[in-house]
C-alpha cells in the first residue's frame, strides 16, 4: 500500500510539474532537447502525458481502478526509461525507480489481470 501511494504521489507531482513548472528545469542537450521540444511543440502531447500521470496517480492514491491505472501509465513510464537510457542517462534513476514500482505493483495485483491475460 505504501509503495502504491508513493508511486501515485510521484506521478501526481511530475504530472503537475508539466503544467506548473515548480521544479528546476532539466538541462537537456542534443537529441534529448529535441525530443522534449517536439513533445512540447506539438501543442498537445506534453499536456496529454501530464494528464495520464495525474489521473493514474490520483487513482493509485485513492486505491480506485488500480490495475487500470497501472496499465495506462506503463507506456509513459517505459518511454521515460527509454528516453533516459538513450538520450539523457544522467537522469535515469527516477525513471528506473518508477518503472520498478510499476512492475512490482503489476505483480502485486497479478490476479486482477487474469481476465485480460487468458487466451
PDB file of N, CA and C in Angstrom:
ATOM      1  N   UNK A   1       0.826  -1.193   0.000  1.00  0.00           N
ATOM      2  CA  UNK A   1       0.000   0.000   0.000  1.00  0.00           C
ATOM      3  C   UNK A   1       0.872   1.259   0.000  1.00  0.00           C
ATOM      4  N   UNK A   2       1.938   1.252   0.787  1.00  0.00           N
ATOM      5  CA  UNK A   2       2.820   2.414   0.864  1.00  0.00           C
ATOM      6  C   UNK A   2       3.479   2.684  -0.484  1.00  0.00           C
ATOM      7  N   UNK A   3       3.951   1.627  -1.136  1.00  0.00           N
ATOM      8  CA  UNK A   3       4.601   1.807  -2.445  1.00  0.00           C
ATOM      9  C   UNK A   3       3.623   2.344  -3.481  1.00  0.00           C
ATOM     10  N   UNK A   4       2.389   1.880  -3.411  1.00  0.00           N
ATOM     11  CA  UNK A   4       1.366   2.359  -4.345  1.00  0.00           C
ATOM     12  C   UNK A   4       1.106   3.850  -4.137  1.00  0.00           C
ATOM     13  N   UNK A   5       1.024   4.276  -2.895  1.00  0.00           N
ATOM     14  CA  UNK A   5       0.781   5.691  -2.600  1.00  0.00           C
ATOM     15  C   UNK A   5       1.986   6.532  -3.011  1.00  0.00           C
ATOM     16  N   UNK A   6       3.199   6.058  -2.714  1.00  0.00           N
ATOM     17  CA  UNK A   6       4.400   6.799  -3.121  1.00  0.00           C
ATOM     18  C   UNK A   6       4.477   6.927  -4.636  1.00  0.00           C
ATOM     19  N   UNK A   7       4.186   5.843  -5.345  1.00  0.00           N
ATOM     20  CA  UNK A   7       4.188   5.869  -6.808  1.00  0.00           C
ATOM     21  C   UNK A   7       3.133   6.863  -7.298  1.00  0.00           C
ATOM     22  N   UNK A   8       1.944   6.787  -6.731  1.00  0.00           N
ATOM     23  CA  UNK A   8       0.871   7.701  -7.127  1.00  0.00           C
ATOM     24  C   UNK A   8       1.215   9.154  -6.869  1.00  0.00           C
ATOM     25  N   UNK A   9       1.771   9.438  -5.703  1.00  0.00           N
ATOM     26  CA  UNK A   9       2.155  10.819  -5.390  1.00  0.00           C
ATOM     27  C   UNK A   9       3.245  11.317  -6.323  1.00  0.00           C
ATOM     28  N   UNK A  10       4.212  10.449  -6.645  1.00  0.00           N
ATOM     29  CA  UNK A  10       5.265  10.829  -7.586  1.00  0.00           C
ATOM     30  C   UNK A  10       4.693  11.156  -8.954  1.00  0.00           C
ATOM     31  N   UNK A  11       3.735  10.357  -9.402  1.00  0.00           N
ATOM     32  CA  UNK A  11       3.094  10.623 -10.694  1.00  0.00           C
ATOM     33  C   UNK A  11       2.362  11.960 -10.675  1.00  0.00           C
ATOM     34  N   UNK A  12       1.666  12.231  -9.585  1.00  0.00           N
ATOM     35  CA  UNK A  12       0.932  13.491  -9.473  1.00  0.00           C
ATOM     36  C   UNK A  12       1.904  14.668  -9.512  1.00  0.00           C
ATOM     37  N   UNK A  13       2.986  14.578  -8.762  1.00  0.00           N
ATOM     38  CA  UNK A  13       3.967  15.667  -8.714  1.00  0.00           C
ATOM     39  C   UNK A  13       4.582  15.911 -10.088  1.00  0.00           C
ATOM     40  N   UNK A  14       5.057  14.843 -10.747  1.00  0.00           N
ATOM     41  CA  UNK A  14       5.688  15.027 -12.058  1.00  0.00           C
ATOM     42  C   UNK A  14       4.668  15.467 -13.110  1.00  0.00           C
ATOM     43  N   UNK A  15       3.433  14.989 -13.004  1.00  0.00           N
ATOM     44  CA  UNK A  15       2.393  15.429 -13.931  1.00  0.00           C
ATOM     45  C   UNK A  15       2.054  16.900 -13.746  1.00  0.00           C
ATOM     46  N   UNK A  16       1.873  17.316 -12.491  1.00  0.00           N
ATOM     47  CA  UNK A  16       1.579  18.728 -12.226  1.00  0.00           C
ATOM     48  C   UNK A  16       2.734  19.635 -12.627  1.00  0.00           C
ATOM     49  N   UNK A  17       3.953  19.147 -12.472  1.00  0.00           N
ATOM     50  CA  UNK A  17       5.109  19.959 -12.851  1.00  0.00           C
ATOM     51  C   UNK A  17       5.106  20.292 -14.346  1.00  0.00           C
ATOM     52  N   UNK A  18       4.551  19.418 -15.150  1.00  0.00           N
ATOM     53  CA  UNK A  18       4.486  19.685 -16.594  1.00  0.00           C
ATOM     54  C   UNK A  18       3.585  20.881 -16.894  1.00  0.00           C
ATOM     55  N   UNK A  19       2.637  21.150 -16.003  1.00  0.00           N
ATOM     56  CA  UNK A  19       1.758  22.314 -16.169  1.00  0.00           C
ATOM     57  C   UNK A  19       2.275  23.538 -15.415  1.00  0.00           C
ATOM     58  N   UNK A  20       2.798  23.340 -14.221  1.00  0.00           N
ATOM     59  CA  UNK A  20       3.093  24.450 -13.315  1.00  0.00           C
ATOM     60  C   UNK A  20       4.573  24.823 -13.207  1.00  0.00           C
ATOM     61  N   UNK A  21       5.447  23.995 -13.697  1.00  0.00           N
ATOM     62  CA  UNK A  21       6.898  24.267 -13.695  1.00  0.00           C
ATOM     63  C   UNK A  21       7.423  24.703 -12.328  1.00  0.00           C
ATOM     64  N   UNK A  22       7.140  23.951 -11.276  1.00  0.00           N
ATOM     65  CA  UNK A  22       7.622  24.306  -9.944  1.00  0.00           C
ATOM     66  C   UNK A  22       8.934  23.628  -9.575  1.00  0.00           C
ATOM     67  N   UNK A  23       9.384  22.663 -10.376  1.00  0.00           N
ATOM     68  CA  UNK A  23      10.672  22.016 -10.142  1.00  0.00           C
ATOM     69  C   UNK A  23      11.711  22.644 -11.066  1.00  0.00           C
ATOM     70  N   UNK A  24      12.983  22.587 -10.683  1.00  0.00           N
ATOM     71  CA  UNK A  24      14.015  23.155 -11.566  1.00  0.00           C
ATOM     72  C   UNK A  24      13.968  22.477 -12.940  1.00  0.00           C
ATOM     73  N   UNK A  25      14.089  23.257 -14.007  1.00  0.00           N
ATOM     74  CA  UNK A  25      14.017  22.654 -15.350  1.00  0.00           C
ATOM     75  C   UNK A  25      15.226  21.762 -15.620  1.00  0.00           C
ATOM     76  N   UNK A  26      14.981  20.735 -16.410  1.00  0.00           N
ATOM     77  CA  UNK A  26      16.065  19.866 -16.842  1.00  0.00           C
ATOM     78  C   UNK A  26      16.945  20.623 -17.826  1.00  0.00           C
ATOM     79  N   UNK A  27      18.233  20.414 -17.725  1.00  0.00           N
ATOM     80  CA  UNK A  27      19.158  20.978 -18.707  1.00  0.00           C
ATOM     81  C   UNK A  27      19.453  19.853 -19.695  1.00  0.00           C
ATOM     82  N   UNK A  28      18.872  19.968 -20.865  1.00  0.00           N
ATOM     83  CA  UNK A  28      18.993  18.916 -21.875  1.00  0.00           C
ATOM     84  C   UNK A  28      19.769  19.425 -23.079  1.00  0.00           C
ATOM     85  N   UNK A  29      20.427  18.501 -23.742  1.00  0.00           N
ATOM     86  CA  UNK A  29      21.201  18.837 -24.940  1.00  0.00           C
ATOM     87  C   UNK A  29      20.904  17.825 -26.042  1.00  0.00           C
ATOM     88  N   UNK A  30      21.211  18.210 -27.245  1.00  0.00           N
ATOM     89  CA  UNK A  30      21.142  17.304 -28.393  1.00  0.00           C
ATOM     90  C   UNK A  30      19.788  16.661 -28.580  1.00  0.00           C
ATOM     91  N   UNK A  31      19.810  15.345 -28.772  1.00  0.00           N
ATOM     92  CA  UNK A  31      18.590  14.596 -29.042  1.00  0.00           C
ATOM     93  C   UNK A  31      17.574  14.675 -27.927  1.00  0.00           C
ATOM     94  N   UNK A  32      18.048  14.741 -26.675  1.00  0.00           N
ATOM     95  CA  UNK A  32      17.124  14.843 -25.546  1.00  0.00           C
ATOM     96  C   UNK A  32      16.333  16.147 -25.612  1.00  0.00           C
ATOM     97  N   UNK A  33      17.024  17.245 -25.890  1.00  0.00           N
ATOM     98  CA  UNK A  33      16.352  18.543 -26.010  1.00  0.00           C
ATOM     99  C   UNK A  33      15.404  18.553 -27.201  1.00  0.00           C
ATOM    100  N   UNK A  34      15.827  17.955 -28.308  1.00  0.00           N
ATOM    101  CA  UNK A  34      14.975  17.889 -29.499  1.00  0.00           C
ATOM    102  C   UNK A  34      13.700  17.098 -29.228  1.00  0.00           C
ATOM    103  N   UNK A  35      13.850  15.968 -28.515  1.00  0.00           N
ATOM    104  CA  UNK A  35      12.705  15.101 -28.230  1.00  0.00           C
ATOM    105  C   UNK A  35      11.682  15.819 -27.345  1.00  0.00           C
ATOM    106  N   UNK A  36      12.143  16.376 -26.229  1.00  0.00           N
ATOM    107  CA  UNK A  36      11.225  17.093 -25.334  1.00  0.00           C
ATOM    108  C   UNK A  36      10.653  18.319 -26.043  1.00  0.00           C
ATOM    109  N   UNK A  37      11.468  18.988 -26.833  1.00  0.00           N
ATOM    110  CA  UNK A  37      10.986  20.131 -27.605  1.00  0.00           C
ATOM    111  C   UNK A  37       9.869  19.748 -28.559  1.00  0.00           C
ATOM    112  N   UNK A  38       9.987  18.572 -29.156  1.00  0.00           N
ATOM    113  CA  UNK A  38       8.932  18.097 -30.065  1.00  0.00           C
ATOM    114  C   UNK A  38       7.651  17.786 -29.302  1.00  0.00           C
ATOM    115  N   UNK A  39       7.774  17.175 -28.118  1.00  0.00           N
ATOM    116  CA  UNK A  39       6.584  16.877 -27.316  1.00  0.00           C
ATOM    117  C   UNK A  39       5.872  18.166 -26.913  1.00  0.00           C
ATOM    118  N   UNK A  40       6.636  19.133 -26.428  1.00  0.00           N
ATOM    119  CA  UNK A  40       6.061  20.415 -26.018  1.00  0.00           C
ATOM    120  C   UNK A  40       5.523  21.161 -27.243  1.00  0.00           C
ATOM    121  N   UNK A  41       6.300  21.166 -28.317  1.00  0.00           N
ATOM    122  CA  UNK A  41       5.936  21.896 -29.530  1.00  0.00           C
ATOM    123  C   UNK A  41       4.722  21.350 -30.250  1.00  0.00           C
ATOM    124  N   UNK A  42       4.359  20.097 -29.979  1.00  0.00           N
ATOM    125  CA  UNK A  42       3.187  19.519 -30.638  1.00  0.00           C
ATOM    126  C   UNK A  42       1.906  20.242 -30.231  1.00  0.00           C
ATOM    127  N   UNK A  43       1.944  20.900 -29.083  1.00  0.00           N
ATOM    128  CA  UNK A  43       0.768  21.617 -28.616  1.00  0.00           C
ATOM    129  C   UNK A  43      -0.213  20.766 -27.832  1.00  0.00           C
ATOM    130  N   UNK A  44       0.018  19.456 -27.750  1.00  0.00           N
ATOM    131  CA  UNK A  44      -0.905  18.607 -27.006  1.00  0.00           C
ATOM    132  C   UNK A  44      -0.228  17.439 -26.287  1.00  0.00           C
ATOM    133  N   UNK A  45       0.873  16.918 -26.795  1.00  0.00           N
ATOM    134  CA  UNK A  45       1.422  15.672 -26.266  1.00  0.00           C
ATOM    135  C   UNK A  45       1.969  15.824 -24.850  1.00  0.00           C
ATOM    136  N   UNK A  46       2.666  16.909 -24.558  1.00  0.00           N
ATOM    137  CA  UNK A  46       3.217  17.133 -23.216  1.00  0.00           C
ATOM    138  C   UNK A  46       2.079  17.204 -22.195  1.00  0.00           C
ATOM    139  N   UNK A  47       0.989  17.880 -22.555  1.00  0.00           N
ATOM    140  CA  UNK A  47      -0.161  18.002 -21.679  1.00  0.00           C
ATOM    141  C   UNK A  47      -0.877  16.658 -21.519  1.00  0.00           C
ATOM    142  N   UNK A  48      -0.946  15.894 -22.597  1.00  0.00           N
ATOM    143  CA  UNK A  48      -1.580  14.569 -22.541  1.00  0.00           C
ATOM    144  C   UNK A  48      -0.806  13.649 -21.602  1.00  0.00           C
ATOM    145  N   UNK A  49       0.521  13.656 -21.721  1.00  0.00           N
ATOM    146  CA  UNK A  49       1.364  12.840 -20.839  1.00  0.00           C
ATOM    147  C   UNK A  49       1.135  13.264 -19.388  1.00  0.00           C
ATOM    148  N   UNK A  50       1.084  14.566 -19.147  1.00  0.00           N
ATOM    149  CA  UNK A  50       0.851  15.084 -17.790  1.00  0.00           C
ATOM    150  C   UNK A  50      -0.493  14.597 -17.251  1.00  0.00           C
ATOM    151  N   UNK A  51      -1.536  14.659 -18.071  1.00  0.00           N
ATOM    152  CA  UNK A  51      -2.858  14.215 -17.624  1.00  0.00           C
ATOM    153  C   UNK A  51      -2.884  12.729 -17.310  1.00  0.00           C
ATOM    154  N   UNK A  52      -2.216  11.922 -18.123  1.00  0.00           N
ATOM    155  CA  UNK A  52      -2.131  10.482 -17.854  1.00  0.00           C
ATOM    156  C   UNK A  52      -1.448  10.252 -16.510  1.00  0.00           C
ATOM    157  N   UNK A  53      -0.350  10.961 -16.262  1.00  0.00           N
ATOM    158  CA  UNK A  53       0.361  10.807 -14.992  1.00  0.00           C
ATOM    159  C   UNK A  53      -0.517  11.233 -13.815  1.00  0.00           C
ATOM    160  N   UNK A  54      -1.184  12.366 -13.936  1.00  0.00           N
ATOM    161  CA  UNK A  54      -2.020  12.878 -12.844  1.00  0.00           C
ATOM    162  C   UNK A  54      -3.200  11.951 -12.576  1.00  0.00           C
ATOM    163  N   UNK A  55      -3.892  11.537 -13.620  1.00  0.00           N
ATOM    164  CA  UNK A  55      -5.056  10.660 -13.451  1.00  0.00           C
ATOM    165  C   UNK A  55      -4.639   9.325 -12.843  1.00  0.00           C
ATOM    166  N   UNK A  56      -3.589   8.724 -13.374  1.00  0.00           N
ATOM    167  CA  UNK A  56      -3.123   7.446 -12.832  1.00  0.00           C
ATOM    168  C   UNK A  56      -2.684   7.625 -11.382  1.00  0.00           C
ATOM    169  N   UNK A  57      -1.997   8.717 -11.080  1.00  0.00           N
ATOM    170  CA  UNK A  57      -1.555   8.974  -9.709  1.00  0.00           C
ATOM    171  C   UNK A  57      -2.719   9.115  -8.747  1.00  0.00           C
ATOM    172  N   UNK A  58      -3.730   9.857  -9.142  1.00  0.00           N
ATOM    173  CA  UNK A  58      -4.907  10.036  -8.289  1.00  0.00           C
ATOM    174  C   UNK A  58      -5.608   8.697  -8.064  1.00  0.00           C
ATOM    175  N   UNK A  59      -5.742   7.902  -9.104  1.00  0.00           N
ATOM    176  CA  UNK A  59      -6.379   6.590  -8.959  1.00  0.00           C
ATOM    177  C   UNK A  59      -5.591   5.688  -8.010  1.00  0.00           C
ATOM    178  N   UNK A  60      -4.265   5.728  -8.096  1.00  0.00           N
ATOM    179  CA  UNK A  60      -3.442   4.903  -7.206  1.00  0.00           C
ATOM    180  C   UNK A  60      -3.555   5.364  -5.756  1.00  0.00           C
ATOM    181  N   UNK A  61      -3.477   6.665  -5.527  1.00  0.00           N
ATOM    182  CA  UNK A  61      -3.580   7.196  -4.167  1.00  0.00           C
ATOM    183  C   UNK A  61      -4.972   6.900  -3.583  1.00  0.00           C
ATOM    184  N   UNK A  62      -6.005   7.018  -4.399  1.00  0.00           N
ATOM    185  CA  UNK A  62      -7.373   6.770  -3.951  1.00  0.00           C
ATOM    186  C   UNK A  62      -7.696   5.275  -3.872  1.00  0.00           C
ATOM    187  N   UNK A  63      -6.780   4.442  -4.356  1.00  0.00           N
ATOM    188  CA  UNK A  63      -6.971   2.990  -4.374  1.00  0.00           C
ATOM    189  C   UNK A  63      -8.214   2.586  -5.179  1.00  0.00           C
ATOM    190  N   UNK A  64      -8.413   3.275  -6.289  1.00  0.00           N
ATOM    191  CA  UNK A  64      -9.538   3.004  -7.190  1.00  0.00           C
ATOM    192  C   UNK A  64      -8.999   2.632  -8.573  1.00  0.00           C
ATOM    193  N   UNK A  65      -9.536   1.602  -9.172  1.00  0.00           N
ATOM    194  CA  UNK A  65      -9.146   1.176 -10.514  1.00  0.00           C
ATOM    195  C   UNK A  65      -7.626   1.018 -10.634  1.00  0.00           C
ATOM    196  N   UNK A  66      -7.002   0.455  -9.606  1.00  0.00           N
ATOM    197  CA  UNK A  66      -5.539   0.330  -9.562  1.00  0.00           C
ATOM    198  C   UNK A  66      -4.986  -0.430 -10.772  1.00  0.00           C
ATOM    199  N   UNK A  67      -5.545  -1.588 -11.148  1.00  0.00           N
ATOM    200  CA  UNK A  67      -4.989  -2.287 -12.315  1.00  0.00           C
ATOM    201  C   UNK A  67      -5.053  -1.435 -13.589  1.00  0.00           C
ATOM    202  N   UNK A  68      -6.150  -0.716 -13.781  1.00  0.00           N
ATOM    203  CA  UNK A  68      -6.285   0.161 -14.940  1.00  0.00           C
ATOM    204  C   UNK A  68      -5.258   1.285 -14.895  1.00  0.00           C
ATOM    205  N   UNK A  69      -5.091   1.902 -13.739  1.00  0.00           N
ATOM    206  CA  UNK A  69      -4.113   2.989 -13.594  1.00  0.00           C
ATOM    207  C   UNK A  69      -2.712   2.499 -13.941  1.00  0.00           C
ATOM    208  N   UNK A  70      -2.355   1.311 -13.469  1.00  0.00           N
ATOM    209  CA  UNK A  70      -1.020   0.761 -13.749  1.00  0.00           C
ATOM    210  C   UNK A  70      -0.824   0.503 -15.238  1.00  0.00           C
ATOM    211  N   UNK A  71      -1.870   0.031 -15.903  1.00  0.00           N
ATOM    212  CA  UNK A  71      -1.779  -0.255 -17.342  1.00  0.00           C
ATOM    213  C   UNK A  71      -1.669   1.033 -18.144  1.00  0.00           C
ATOM    214  N   UNK A  72      -2.468   2.051 -17.816  1.00  0.00           N
ATOM    215  CA  UNK A  72      -2.446   3.266 -18.637  1.00  0.00           C
ATOM    216  C   UNK A  72      -1.163   4.068 -18.454  1.00  0.00           C
ATOM    217  N   UNK A  73      -0.534   3.976 -17.278  1.00  0.00           N
ATOM    218  CA  UNK A  73       0.674   4.769 -17.057  1.00  0.00           C
ATOM    219  C   UNK A  73       1.943   4.023 -17.479  1.00  0.00           C
ATOM    220  N   UNK A  74       1.865   2.717 -17.676  1.00  0.00           N
ATOM    221  CA  UNK A  74       3.072   1.954 -18.009  1.00  0.00           C
ATOM    222  C   UNK A  74       3.755   2.419 -19.298  1.00  0.00           C
ATOM    223  N   UNK A  75       3.044   2.676 -20.384  1.00  0.00           N
ATOM    224  CA  UNK A  75       3.747   3.163 -21.591  1.00  0.00           C
ATOM    225  C   UNK A  75       4.469   4.489 -21.360  1.00  0.00           C
ATOM    226  N   UNK A  76       3.902   5.355 -20.538  1.00  0.00           N
ATOM    227  CA  UNK A  76       4.546   6.630 -20.226  1.00  0.00           C
ATOM    228  C   UNK A  76       5.830   6.377 -19.440  1.00  0.00           C
ATOM    229  N   UNK A  77       5.747   5.489 -18.444  1.00  0.00           N
ATOM    230  CA  UNK A  77       6.923   5.188 -17.619  1.00  0.00           C
ATOM    231  C   UNK A  77       8.011   4.485 -18.430  1.00  0.00           C
ATOM    232  N   UNK A  78       7.609   3.571 -19.289  1.00  0.00           N
ATOM    233  CA  UNK A  78       8.580   2.863 -20.125  1.00  0.00           C
ATOM    234  C   UNK A  78       9.264   3.836 -21.078  1.00  0.00           C
ATOM    235  N   UNK A  79       8.518   4.750 -21.647  1.00  0.00           N
ATOM    236  CA  UNK A  79       9.107   5.753 -22.527  1.00  0.00           C
ATOM    237  C   UNK A  79      10.068   6.662 -21.768  1.00  0.00           C
ATOM    238  N   UNK A  80       9.731   7.015 -20.529  1.00  0.00           N
ATOM    239  CA  UNK A  80      10.639   7.831 -19.712  1.00  0.00           C
ATOM    240  C   UNK A  80      11.952   7.089 -19.482  1.00  0.00           C
ATOM    241  N   UNK A  81      11.859   5.797 -19.219  1.00  0.00           N
ATOM    242  CA  UNK A  81      13.073   4.999 -19.026  1.00  0.00           C
ATOM    243  C   UNK A  81      13.901   4.950 -20.304  1.00  0.00           C
ATOM    244  N   UNK A  82      13.262   4.716 -21.437  1.00  0.00           N
ATOM    245  CA  UNK A  82      13.982   4.652 -22.720  1.00  0.00           C
ATOM    246  C   UNK A  82      14.583   6.011 -23.071  1.00  0.00           C
ATOM    247  N   UNK A  83      13.860   7.086 -22.796  1.00  0.00           N
ATOM    248  CA  UNK A  83      14.373   8.431 -23.027  1.00  0.00           C
ATOM    249  C   UNK A  83      15.675   8.631 -22.269  1.00  0.00           C
ATOM    250  N   UNK A  84      15.665   8.292 -21.003  1.00  0.00           N
ATOM    251  CA  UNK A  84      16.872   8.499 -20.200  1.00  0.00           C
ATOM    252  C   UNK A  84      17.973   7.510 -20.557  1.00  0.00           C
ATOM    253  N   UNK A  85      17.612   6.309 -20.910  1.00  0.00           N
ATOM    254  CA  UNK A  85      18.614   5.311 -21.284  1.00  0.00           C
ATOM    255  C   UNK A  85      19.355   5.717 -22.553  1.00  0.00           C
ATOM    256  N   UNK A  86      18.631   6.241 -23.527  1.00  0.00           N
ATOM    257  CA  UNK A  86      19.242   6.538 -24.822  1.00  0.00           C
ATOM    258  C   UNK A  86      19.603   8.008 -25.042  1.00  0.00           C
ATOM    259  N   UNK A  87      18.939   8.919 -24.340  1.00  0.00           N
ATOM    260  CA  UNK A  87      19.141  10.335 -24.628  1.00  0.00           C
ATOM    261  C   UNK A  87      19.654  11.176 -23.453  1.00  0.00           C
ATOM    262  N   UNK A  88      19.443  10.718 -22.225  1.00  0.00           N
ATOM    263  CA  UNK A  88      19.816  11.528 -21.060  1.00  0.00           C
ATOM    264  C   UNK A  88      20.100  10.605 -19.876  1.00  0.00           C
ATOM    265  N   UNK A  89      21.181   9.862 -19.947  1.00  0.00           N
ATOM    266  CA  UNK A  89      21.486   8.821 -18.962  1.00  0.00           C
ATOM    267  C   UNK A  89      21.610   9.369 -17.544  1.00  0.00           C
ATOM    268  N   UNK A  90      22.039  10.607 -17.401  1.00  0.00           N
ATOM    269  CA  UNK A  90      22.243  11.147 -16.046  1.00  0.00           C
ATOM    270  C   UNK A  90      20.950  11.250 -15.249  1.00  0.00           C
ATOM    271  N   UNK A  91      19.817  11.252 -15.896  1.00  0.00           N
ATOM    272  CA  UNK A  91      18.534  11.345 -15.198  1.00  0.00           C
ATOM    273  C   UNK A  91      17.780  10.037 -15.102  1.00  0.00           C
ATOM    274  N   UNK A  92      18.481   8.916 -15.253  1.00  0.00           N
ATOM    275  CA  UNK A  92      17.790   7.628 -15.348  1.00  0.00           C
ATOM    276  C   UNK A  92      17.267   7.100 -14.012  1.00  0.00           C
ATOM    277  N   UNK A  93      17.841   7.506 -12.891  1.00  0.00           N
ATOM    278  CA  UNK A  93      17.458   6.918 -11.598  1.00  0.00           C
ATOM    279  C   UNK A  93      15.960   7.026 -11.302  1.00  0.00           C
ATOM    280  N   UNK A  94      15.355   8.215 -11.372  1.00  0.00           N
ATOM    281  CA  UNK A  94      13.911   8.271 -11.089  1.00  0.00           C
ATOM    282  C   UNK A  94      13.090   7.425 -12.074  1.00  0.00           C
ATOM    283  N   UNK A  95      13.453   7.442 -13.334  1.00  0.00           N
ATOM    284  CA  UNK A  95      12.720   6.646 -14.324  1.00  0.00           C
ATOM    285  C   UNK A  95      12.831   5.158 -14.017  1.00  0.00           C
ATOM    286  N   UNK A  96      14.012   4.733 -13.593  1.00  0.00           N
ATOM    287  CA  UNK A  96      14.212   3.325 -13.237  1.00  0.00           C
ATOM    288  C   UNK A  96      13.367   2.964 -12.019  1.00  0.00           C
ATOM    289  N   UNK A  97      13.369   3.829 -11.007  1.00  0.00           N
ATOM    290  CA  UNK A  97      12.592   3.570  -9.795  1.00  0.00           C
ATOM    291  C   UNK A  97      11.101   3.515 -10.106  1.00  0.00           C
ATOM    292  N   UNK A  98      10.615   4.441 -10.917  1.00  0.00           N
ATOM    293  CA  UNK A  98       9.188   4.457 -11.260  1.00  0.00           C
ATOM    294  C   UNK A  98       8.794   3.207 -12.044  1.00  0.00           C
ATOM    295  N   UNK A  99       9.654   2.753 -12.951  1.00  0.00           N
ATOM    296  CA  UNK A  99       9.358   1.529 -13.692  1.00  0.00           C
ATOM    297  C   UNK A  99       9.379   0.319 -12.778  1.00  0.00           C
ATOM    298  N   UNK A 100      10.332   0.281 -11.848  1.00  0.00           N
ATOM    299  CA  UNK A 100      10.395  -0.827 -10.894  1.00  0.00           C
ATOM    300  C   UNK A 100       9.124  -0.869 -10.039  1.00  0.00           C
ATOM    301  N   UNK A 101       8.663   0.293  -9.589  1.00  0.00           N
ATOM    302  CA  UNK A 101       7.422   0.354  -8.816  1.00  0.00           C
ATOM    303  C   UNK A 101       6.229  -0.105  -9.645  1.00  0.00           C
ATOM    304  N   UNK A 102       6.156   0.346 -10.889  1.00  0.00           N
ATOM    305  CA  UNK A 102       5.050  -0.039 -11.763  1.00  0.00           C
ATOM    306  C   UNK A 102       5.028  -1.548 -11.949  1.00  0.00           C
ATOM    307  N   UNK A 103       6.169  -2.135 -12.245  1.00  0.00           N
ATOM    308  CA  UNK A 103       6.244  -3.584 -12.476  1.00  0.00           C
ATOM    309  C   UNK A 103       5.959  -4.356 -11.186  1.00  0.00           C
ATOM    310  N   UNK A 104       6.515  -3.884 -10.063  1.00  0.00           N
ATOM    311  CA  UNK A 104       6.228  -4.542  -8.784  1.00  0.00           C
ATOM    312  C   UNK A 104       4.717  -4.537  -8.509  1.00  0.00           C
ATOM    313  N   UNK A 105       4.079  -3.389  -8.729  1.00  0.00           N
ATOM    314  CA  UNK A 105       2.646  -3.294  -8.480  1.00  0.00           C
ATOM    315  C   UNK A 105       1.836  -4.123  -9.471  1.00  0.00           C
ATOM    316  N   UNK A 106       2.332  -4.288 -10.709  1.00  0.00           N
ATOM    317  CA  UNK A 106       1.692  -5.230 -11.643  1.00  0.00           C
ATOM    318  C   UNK A 106       1.635  -6.612 -11.005  1.00  0.00           C
ATOM    319  N   UNK A 107       2.782  -7.076 -10.526  1.00  0.00           N
ATOM    320  CA  UNK A 107       2.845  -8.415  -9.947  1.00  0.00           C
ATOM    321  C   UNK A 107       2.067  -8.509  -8.638  1.00  0.00           C
ATOM    322  N   UNK A 108       2.035  -7.451  -7.870  1.00  0.00           N
ATOM    323  CA  UNK A 108       1.265  -7.455  -6.630  1.00  0.00           C
ATOM    324  C   UNK A 108      -0.239  -7.552  -6.903  1.00  0.00           C
ATOM    325  N   UNK A 109      -0.652  -7.168  -8.100  1.00  0.00           N
ATOM    326  CA  UNK A 109      -2.063  -7.210  -8.498  1.00  0.00           C
ATOM    327  C   UNK A 109      -2.327  -8.222  -9.606  1.00  0.00           C
ATOM    328  N   UNK A 110      -1.420  -9.184  -9.784  1.00  0.00           N
ATOM    329  CA  UNK A 110      -1.490 -10.080 -10.949  1.00  0.00           C
ATOM    330  C   UNK A 110      -2.809 -10.836 -11.065  1.00  0.00           C
ATOM    331  N   UNK A 111      -3.429 -11.194  -9.953  1.00  0.00           N
ATOM    332  CA  UNK A 111      -4.697 -11.927 -10.028  1.00  0.00           C
ATOM    333  C   UNK A 111      -5.798 -11.071 -10.638  1.00  0.00           C
ATOM    334  N   UNK A 112      -5.656  -9.760 -10.575  1.00  0.00           N
ATOM    335  CA  UNK A 112      -6.680  -8.867 -11.120  1.00  0.00           C
ATOM    336  C   UNK A 112      -6.559  -8.710 -12.638  1.00  0.00           C
ATOM    337  N   UNK A 113      -5.493  -9.276 -13.222  1.00  0.00           N
ATOM    338  CA  UNK A 113      -5.305  -9.235 -14.667  1.00  0.00           C
ATOM    339  C   UNK A 113      -5.670 -10.544 -15.344  1.00  0.00           C
ATOM    340  N   UNK A 114      -6.189 -11.510 -14.602  1.00  0.00           N
ATOM    341  CA  UNK A 114      -6.491 -12.831 -15.158  1.00  0.00           C
ATOM    342  C   UNK A 114      -7.387 -12.757 -16.399  1.00  0.00           C
ATOM    343  N   UNK A 115      -8.375 -11.899 -16.361  1.00  0.00           N
ATOM    344  CA  UNK A 115      -9.309 -11.807 -17.481  1.00  0.00           C
ATOM    345  C   UNK A 115      -8.679 -11.361 -18.776  1.00  0.00           C
ATOM    346  N   UNK A 116      -7.726 -10.460 -18.717  1.00  0.00           N
ATOM    347  CA  UNK A 116      -7.116  -9.964 -19.950  1.00  0.00           C
ATOM    348  C   UNK A 116      -5.872 -10.762 -20.351  1.00  0.00           C
ATOM    349  N   UNK A 117      -5.407 -11.640 -19.458  1.00  0.00           N
ATOM    350  CA  UNK A 117      -4.214 -12.425 -19.770  1.00  0.00           C
ATOM    351  C   UNK A 117      -4.521 -13.877 -20.110  1.00  0.00           C
ATOM    352  N   UNK A 118      -5.801 -14.214 -20.220  1.00  0.00           N
ATOM    353  CA  UNK A 118      -6.162 -15.574 -20.600  1.00  0.00           C
ATOM    354  C   UNK A 118      -6.557 -15.611 -22.072  1.00  0.00           C
ATOM    355  N   UNK A 119      -6.204 -16.721 -22.728  1.00  0.00           N
ATOM    356  CA  UNK A 119      -6.481 -16.858 -24.167  1.00  0.00           C
ATOM    357  C   UNK A 119      -7.955 -17.069 -24.418  1.00  0.00           C
TER     358      UNK A 119
END
